[in-house]
């Protein structure tokens, strides 16, 4: 079980999202892949954040990754995304996202959201390290009742959260946020996963 990235994202109901703070652990990838993996996971986080209605939680699987997102909305218009491997359990992931958003709003003034480069939230890197073991996240289960009452939508692929007629391949090709190397990494990973389907 592995956490790769946690991001706090400003997610207005209309318009593009922007990443306010992010932390990752990409040590399981080769040194040469890390930049491309980081770009793709950042792109994936913003894409699912833009397509998750306020007040909703959902999980989206793409290749070997699962993005769990909680778009809390409200006055701050914040969402949090955690990207994990597919073995990481859903319940601790969403408990951690709630804790991240609570801590972020307590420590980072809303007036600083306009200038993300000035935001300092080192606790995010601590969360990435500490909660690699999902049992650690079980200590923050005060939101369990709320989670039990909320339907968490699990999408089998990122394609299912895209708008009608949108394709992830097209978004990746058109994205200015991804370098040519990252686009090639995405296409190679997709080819490798598609050749290994067990019937």
C-alpha atoms as a PDB file:
ATOM      1  CA  UNK A   1       0.000   0.000   0.000  1.00  0.00           C
ATOM      2  CA  UNK A   2       1.379   3.338  -1.052  1.00  0.00           C
ATOM      3  CA  UNK A   3       0.528   7.045  -1.000  1.00  0.00           C
ATOM      4  CA  UNK A   4       2.136   8.841  -3.932  1.00  0.00           C
ATOM      5  CA  UNK A   5       0.758  12.371  -3.614  1.00  0.00           C
ATOM      6  CA  UNK A   6      -1.536  14.576  -1.537  1.00  0.00           C
ATOM      7  CA  UNK A   7      -2.709  17.936  -2.895  1.00  0.00           C
ATOM      8  CA  UNK A   8      -4.857  20.767  -1.591  1.00  0.00           C
ATOM      9  CA  UNK A   9      -6.650  22.430  -4.488  1.00  0.00           C
ATOM     10  CA  UNK A  10      -8.666  25.610  -4.842  1.00  0.00           C
ATOM     11  CA  UNK A  11     -11.775  24.340  -6.648  1.00  0.00           C
ATOM     12  CA  UNK A  12     -14.245  27.092  -7.541  1.00  0.00           C
ATOM     13  CA  UNK A  13     -17.615  25.829  -8.824  1.00  0.00           C
ATOM     14  CA  UNK A  14     -16.841  27.227 -12.265  1.00  0.00           C
ATOM     15  CA  UNK A  15     -13.472  27.834 -13.830  1.00  0.00           C
ATOM     16  CA  UNK A  16     -10.138  26.082 -13.536  1.00  0.00           C
ATOM     17  CA  UNK A  17      -8.721  24.665 -10.321  1.00  0.00           C
ATOM     18  CA  UNK A  18      -5.330  25.648  -8.946  1.00  0.00           C
ATOM     19  CA  UNK A  19      -3.022  23.662  -6.674  1.00  0.00           C
ATOM     20  CA  UNK A  20      -2.339  25.474  -3.387  1.00  0.00           C
ATOM     21  CA  UNK A  21      -0.071  22.893  -1.758  1.00  0.00           C
ATOM     22  CA  UNK A  22       1.210  19.447  -2.689  1.00  0.00           C
ATOM     23  CA  UNK A  23       3.548  16.792  -1.328  1.00  0.00           C
ATOM     24  CA  UNK A  24       4.621  13.456  -2.724  1.00  0.00           C
ATOM     25  CA  UNK A  25       6.666  10.305  -2.276  1.00  0.00           C
ATOM     26  CA  UNK A  26       7.809   9.078  -5.674  1.00  0.00           C
ATOM     27  CA  UNK A  27      10.740   7.032  -4.369  1.00  0.00           C
ATOM     28  CA  UNK A  28       9.271   3.841  -5.870  1.00  0.00           C
ATOM     29  CA  UNK A  29       9.842   5.257  -9.376  1.00  0.00           C
ATOM     30  CA  UNK A  30      13.201   5.543 -11.075  1.00  0.00           C
ATOM     31  CA  UNK A  31      14.957   8.900 -10.859  1.00  0.00           C
ATOM     32  CA  UNK A  32      14.284   9.511 -14.561  1.00  0.00           C
ATOM     33  CA  UNK A  33      10.538   8.815 -14.281  1.00  0.00           C
ATOM     34  CA  UNK A  34       9.819  10.986 -11.243  1.00  0.00           C
ATOM     35  CA  UNK A  35       9.394  14.288 -13.097  1.00  0.00           C
ATOM     36  CA  UNK A  36       6.926  12.785 -15.560  1.00  0.00           C
ATOM     37  CA  UNK A  37       5.036  10.900 -12.841  1.00  0.00           C
ATOM     38  CA  UNK A  38       4.801  14.084 -10.755  1.00  0.00           C
ATOM     39  CA  UNK A  39       3.443  16.074 -13.726  1.00  0.00           C
ATOM     40  CA  UNK A  40       0.901  13.394 -14.590  1.00  0.00           C
ATOM     41  CA  UNK A  41      -0.331  13.018 -10.993  1.00  0.00           C
ATOM     42  CA  UNK A  42      -0.672  16.806 -10.660  1.00  0.00           C
ATOM     43  CA  UNK A  43      -2.636  16.863 -13.923  1.00  0.00           C
ATOM     44  CA  UNK A  44      -4.836  13.967 -12.745  1.00  0.00           C
ATOM     45  CA  UNK A  45      -5.493  15.685  -9.381  1.00  0.00           C
ATOM     46  CA  UNK A  46      -6.623  18.927 -10.993  1.00  0.00           C
ATOM     47  CA  UNK A  47      -8.713  17.099 -13.603  1.00  0.00           C
ATOM     48  CA  UNK A  48     -10.717  15.088 -11.055  1.00  0.00           C
ATOM     49  CA  UNK A  49     -11.027  18.139  -8.762  1.00  0.00           C
ATOM     50  CA  UNK A  50     -12.586  20.163 -11.595  1.00  0.00           C
ATOM     51  CA  UNK A  51     -15.082  17.369 -12.238  1.00  0.00           C
ATOM     52  CA  UNK A  52     -16.134  16.627  -8.671  1.00  0.00           C
ATOM     53  CA  UNK A  53     -19.156  18.630  -7.465  1.00  0.00           C
ATOM     54  CA  UNK A  54     -18.819  20.511  -4.188  1.00  0.00           C
ATOM     55  CA  UNK A  55     -19.725  18.426  -1.165  1.00  0.00           C
ATOM     56  CA  UNK A  56     -18.946  15.149  -2.931  1.00  0.00           C
ATOM     57  CA  UNK A  57     -16.328  12.447  -2.456  1.00  0.00           C
ATOM     58  CA  UNK A  58     -15.277  10.054  -5.163  1.00  0.00           C
ATOM     59  CA  UNK A  59     -12.520   7.651  -6.125  1.00  0.00           C
ATOM     60  CA  UNK A  60     -11.174   7.431  -9.654  1.00  0.00           C
ATOM     61  CA  UNK A  61      -8.922   4.652 -10.925  1.00  0.00           C
ATOM     62  CA  UNK A  62      -6.465   5.205 -13.763  1.00  0.00           C
ATOM     63  CA  UNK A  63      -3.867   2.618 -14.689  1.00  0.00           C
ATOM     64  CA  UNK A  64      -2.387   1.417 -11.358  1.00  0.00           C
ATOM     65  CA  UNK A  65      -3.362   4.559  -9.433  1.00  0.00           C
ATOM     66  CA  UNK A  66      -6.457   5.613  -7.530  1.00  0.00           C
ATOM     67  CA  UNK A  67      -7.247   9.276  -6.916  1.00  0.00           C
ATOM     68  CA  UNK A  68      -9.477   9.807  -3.893  1.00  0.00           C
ATOM     69  CA  UNK A  69     -10.993  13.294  -3.847  1.00  0.00           C
ATOM     70  CA  UNK A  70     -13.042  15.243  -1.370  1.00  0.00           C
ATOM     71  CA  UNK A  71     -14.382  18.540  -2.709  1.00  0.00           C
ATOM     72  CA  UNK A  72     -15.548  20.203   0.481  1.00  0.00           C
ATOM     73  CA  UNK A  73     -16.568  23.446  -1.217  1.00  0.00           C
ATOM     74  CA  UNK A  74     -17.972  25.929   1.274  1.00  0.00           C
ATOM     75  CA  UNK A  75     -16.607  29.439   1.711  1.00  0.00           C
ATOM     76  CA  UNK A  76     -13.008  28.310   1.115  1.00  0.00           C
ATOM     77  CA  UNK A  77     -13.868  26.308  -2.039  1.00  0.00           C
ATOM     78  CA  UNK A  78     -11.207  23.736  -1.205  1.00  0.00           C
ATOM     79  CA  UNK A  79     -10.734  20.176  -2.371  1.00  0.00           C
ATOM     80  CA  UNK A  80      -8.112  17.631  -1.372  1.00  0.00           C
ATOM     81  CA  UNK A  81      -6.821  14.761  -3.504  1.00  0.00           C
ATOM     82  CA  UNK A  82      -4.769  11.757  -2.460  1.00  0.00           C
ATOM     83  CA  UNK A  83      -3.273   9.504  -5.129  1.00  0.00           C
ATOM     84  CA  UNK A  84      -2.517   5.975  -3.960  1.00  0.00           C
ATOM     85  CA  UNK A  85      -1.984   2.529  -5.366  1.00  0.00           C
ATOM     86  CA  UNK A  86      -5.123   0.427  -5.797  1.00  0.00           C
ATOM     87  CA  UNK A  87      -4.557  -1.505  -2.538  1.00  0.00           C
ATOM     88  CA  UNK A  88      -4.824   1.545  -0.270  1.00  0.00           C
ATOM     89  CA  UNK A  89      -8.221   1.350   1.517  1.00  0.00           C
ATOM     90  CA  UNK A  90     -10.887   3.953   0.805  1.00  0.00           C
ATOM     91  CA  UNK A  91     -11.974   4.708   4.389  1.00  0.00           C
ATOM     92  CA  UNK A  92      -8.567   5.840   5.713  1.00  0.00           C
ATOM     93  CA  UNK A  93      -7.933   7.815   2.501  1.00  0.00           C
ATOM     94  CA  UNK A  94     -11.076   9.898   2.987  1.00  0.00           C
ATOM     95  CA  UNK A  95     -10.431  10.298   6.716  1.00  0.00           C
ATOM     96  CA  UNK A  96      -6.988  11.645   5.872  1.00  0.00           C
ATOM     97  CA  UNK A  97      -8.417  14.059   3.271  1.00  0.00           C
ATOM     98  CA  UNK A  98     -10.815  15.490   5.853  1.00  0.00           C
ATOM     99  CA  UNK A  99      -7.946  15.946   8.329  1.00  0.00           C
ATOM    100  CA  UNK A 100      -5.781  17.616   5.656  1.00  0.00           C
ATOM    101  CA  UNK A 101      -8.538  20.117   4.803  1.00  0.00           C
ATOM    102  CA  UNK A 102      -9.244  20.849   8.488  1.00  0.00           C
ATOM    103  CA  UNK A 103      -5.557  21.495   9.216  1.00  0.00           C
ATOM    104  CA  UNK A 104      -5.037  23.522   6.029  1.00  0.00           C
ATOM    105  CA  UNK A 105      -7.950  25.873   6.755  1.00  0.00           C
ATOM    106  CA  UNK A 106      -6.791  26.263  10.374  1.00  0.00           C
ATOM    107  CA  UNK A 107      -3.191  27.140   9.455  1.00  0.00           C
ATOM    108  CA  UNK A 108      -3.380  28.887   6.064  1.00  0.00           C
ATOM    109  CA  UNK A 109      -5.356  32.138   5.795  1.00  0.00           C
ATOM    110  CA  UNK A 110      -7.837  32.303   2.926  1.00  0.00           C
ATOM    111  CA  UNK A 111      -6.318  35.626   1.839  1.00  0.00           C
ATOM    112  CA  UNK A 112      -3.164  33.751   0.751  1.00  0.00           C
ATOM    113  CA  UNK A 113      -5.050  31.503  -1.727  1.00  0.00           C
ATOM    114  CA  UNK A 114      -4.522  34.113  -4.465  1.00  0.00           C
ATOM    115  CA  UNK A 115      -0.751  33.582  -4.264  1.00  0.00           C
ATOM    116  CA  UNK A 116      -0.112  29.797  -3.990  1.00  0.00           C
ATOM    117  CA  UNK A 117       3.680  30.187  -4.175  1.00  0.00           C
ATOM    118  CA  UNK A 118       3.589  32.037  -0.834  1.00  0.00           C
ATOM    119  CA  UNK A 119       1.693  29.235   0.944  1.00  0.00           C
ATOM    120  CA  UNK A 120       3.726  27.175   3.385  1.00  0.00           C
ATOM    121  CA  UNK A 121       2.098  23.960   4.612  1.00  0.00           C
ATOM    122  CA  UNK A 122       4.931  21.512   5.473  1.00  0.00           C
ATOM    123  CA  UNK A 123       2.497  19.262   7.339  1.00  0.00           C
ATOM    124  CA  UNK A 124       1.459  17.796   3.985  1.00  0.00           C
ATOM    125  CA  UNK A 125       4.820  16.043   3.566  1.00  0.00           C
ATOM    126  CA  UNK A 126       4.445  14.681   7.109  1.00  0.00           C
ATOM    127  CA  UNK A 127       1.057  13.217   6.192  1.00  0.00           C
ATOM    128  CA  UNK A 128       2.496  11.536   3.102  1.00  0.00           C
ATOM    129  CA  UNK A 129       5.165   9.860   5.229  1.00  0.00           C
ATOM    130  CA  UNK A 130       3.102   9.078   8.329  1.00  0.00           C
ATOM    131  CA  UNK A 131       0.044   7.637   6.622  1.00  0.00           C
ATOM    132  CA  UNK A 132       1.801   5.216   4.259  1.00  0.00           C
ATOM    133  CA  UNK A 133       0.399   2.712   6.741  1.00  0.00           C
ATOM    134  CA  UNK A 134      -3.398   3.170   6.517  1.00  0.00           C
ATOM    135  CA  UNK A 135      -3.797   1.933  10.093  1.00  0.00           C
ATOM    136  CA  UNK A 136      -2.324   5.279  11.182  1.00  0.00           C
ATOM    137  CA  UNK A 137      -5.209   7.048   9.466  1.00  0.00           C
ATOM    138  CA  UNK A 138      -7.689   4.987  11.484  1.00  0.00           C
ATOM    139  CA  UNK A 139      -6.849   7.150  14.493  1.00  0.00           C
ATOM    140  CA  UNK A 140      -8.632  10.041  12.773  1.00  0.00           C
ATOM    141  CA  UNK A 141     -11.910   8.247  12.262  1.00  0.00           C
ATOM    142  CA  UNK A 142     -14.088  10.931  13.820  1.00  0.00           C
ATOM    143  CA  UNK A 143     -15.622  11.420  10.355  1.00  0.00           C
ATOM    144  CA  UNK A 144     -16.581   7.757  10.049  1.00  0.00           C
ATOM    145  CA  UNK A 145     -20.278   8.330  10.655  1.00  0.00           C
ATOM    146  CA  UNK A 146     -20.325  11.085   8.044  1.00  0.00           C
ATOM    147  CA  UNK A 147     -18.537   8.806   5.572  1.00  0.00           C
ATOM    148  CA  UNK A 148     -20.953   5.959   6.230  1.00  0.00           C
ATOM    149  CA  UNK A 149     -23.857   8.256   5.426  1.00  0.00           C
ATOM    150  CA  UNK A 150     -22.233   9.639   2.282  1.00  0.00           C
ATOM    151  CA  UNK A 151     -22.192   7.691  -0.926  1.00  0.00           C
ATOM    152  CA  UNK A 152     -18.644   7.552  -2.271  1.00  0.00           C
ATOM    153  CA  UNK A 153     -18.683   7.146  -6.009  1.00  0.00           C
ATOM    154  CA  UNK A 154     -16.034   4.779  -7.328  1.00  0.00           C
ATOM    155  CA  UNK A 155     -15.293   5.324 -10.987  1.00  0.00           C
ATOM    156  CA  UNK A 156     -13.445   2.512 -12.686  1.00  0.00           C
ATOM    157  CA  UNK A 157     -11.479   4.910 -14.871  1.00  0.00           C
ATOM    158  CA  UNK A 158     -10.863   8.616 -15.086  1.00  0.00           C
ATOM    159  CA  UNK A 159     -12.836   8.509 -18.363  1.00  0.00           C
ATOM    160  CA  UNK A 160     -16.077   8.162 -16.395  1.00  0.00           C
ATOM    161  CA  UNK A 161     -15.662  11.577 -14.719  1.00  0.00           C
ATOM    162  CA  UNK A 162     -14.889  13.379 -17.935  1.00  0.00           C
ATOM    163  CA  UNK A 163     -17.592  15.318 -19.693  1.00  0.00           C
ATOM    164  CA  UNK A 164     -19.556  13.640 -22.469  1.00  0.00           C
ATOM    165  CA  UNK A 165     -17.359  13.223 -25.524  1.00  0.00           C
ATOM    166  CA  UNK A 166     -14.138  14.080 -23.649  1.00  0.00           C
ATOM    167  CA  UNK A 167     -11.280  11.584 -23.818  1.00  0.00           C
ATOM    168  CA  UNK A 168      -8.323  11.505 -21.450  1.00  0.00           C
ATOM    169  CA  UNK A 169      -5.950  10.966 -24.384  1.00  0.00           C
ATOM    170  CA  UNK A 170      -7.207  14.200 -25.960  1.00  0.00           C
ATOM    171  CA  UNK A 171      -6.900  16.122 -22.665  1.00  0.00           C
ATOM    172  CA  UNK A 172      -3.350  14.849 -22.217  1.00  0.00           C
ATOM    173  CA  UNK A 173      -2.409  15.802 -25.788  1.00  0.00           C
ATOM    174  CA  UNK A 174      -3.867  19.316 -25.429  1.00  0.00           C
ATOM    175  CA  UNK A 175      -2.568  19.999 -21.928  1.00  0.00           C
ATOM    176  CA  UNK A 176       0.000  22.749 -21.524  1.00  0.00           C
ATOM    177  CA  UNK A 177       0.656  21.487 -17.984  1.00  0.00           C
ATOM    178  CA  UNK A 178       2.345  18.309 -19.259  1.00  0.00           C
ATOM    179  CA  UNK A 179       5.722  18.203 -20.976  1.00  0.00           C
ATOM    180  CA  UNK A 180       6.294  16.053 -24.066  1.00  0.00           C
ATOM    181  CA  UNK A 181       8.167  13.592 -21.830  1.00  0.00           C
ATOM    182  CA  UNK A 182       5.191  13.290 -19.471  1.00  0.00           C
ATOM    183  CA  UNK A 183       2.804  12.779 -22.386  1.00  0.00           C
ATOM    184  CA  UNK A 184       5.069  10.009 -23.704  1.00  0.00           C
ATOM    185  CA  UNK A 185       5.213   8.455 -20.211  1.00  0.00           C
ATOM    186  CA  UNK A 186       1.390   8.408 -20.016  1.00  0.00           C
ATOM    187  CA  UNK A 187       1.086   6.763 -23.446  1.00  0.00           C
ATOM    188  CA  UNK A 188       3.765   4.157 -22.655  1.00  0.00           C
ATOM    189  CA  UNK A 189       2.145   3.285 -19.311  1.00  0.00           C
ATOM    190  CA  UNK A 190      -1.242   2.969 -20.983  1.00  0.00           C
ATOM    191  CA  UNK A 191       0.171   0.634 -23.663  1.00  0.00           C
ATOM    192  CA  UNK A 192       1.898  -1.537 -21.061  1.00  0.00           C
ATOM    193  CA  UNK A 193      -1.283  -1.886 -19.026  1.00  0.00           C
ATOM    194  CA  UNK A 194      -3.470  -2.622 -22.045  1.00  0.00           C
ATOM    195  CA  UNK A 195      -1.243  -5.456 -23.270  1.00  0.00           C
ATOM    196  CA  UNK A 196      -1.558  -7.342 -20.000  1.00  0.00           C
ATOM    197  CA  UNK A 197      -5.318  -7.811 -19.755  1.00  0.00           C
ATOM    198  CA  UNK A 198      -6.221 -11.257 -18.403  1.00  0.00           C
ATOM    199  CA  UNK A 199      -9.296 -12.815 -19.978  1.00  0.00           C
END
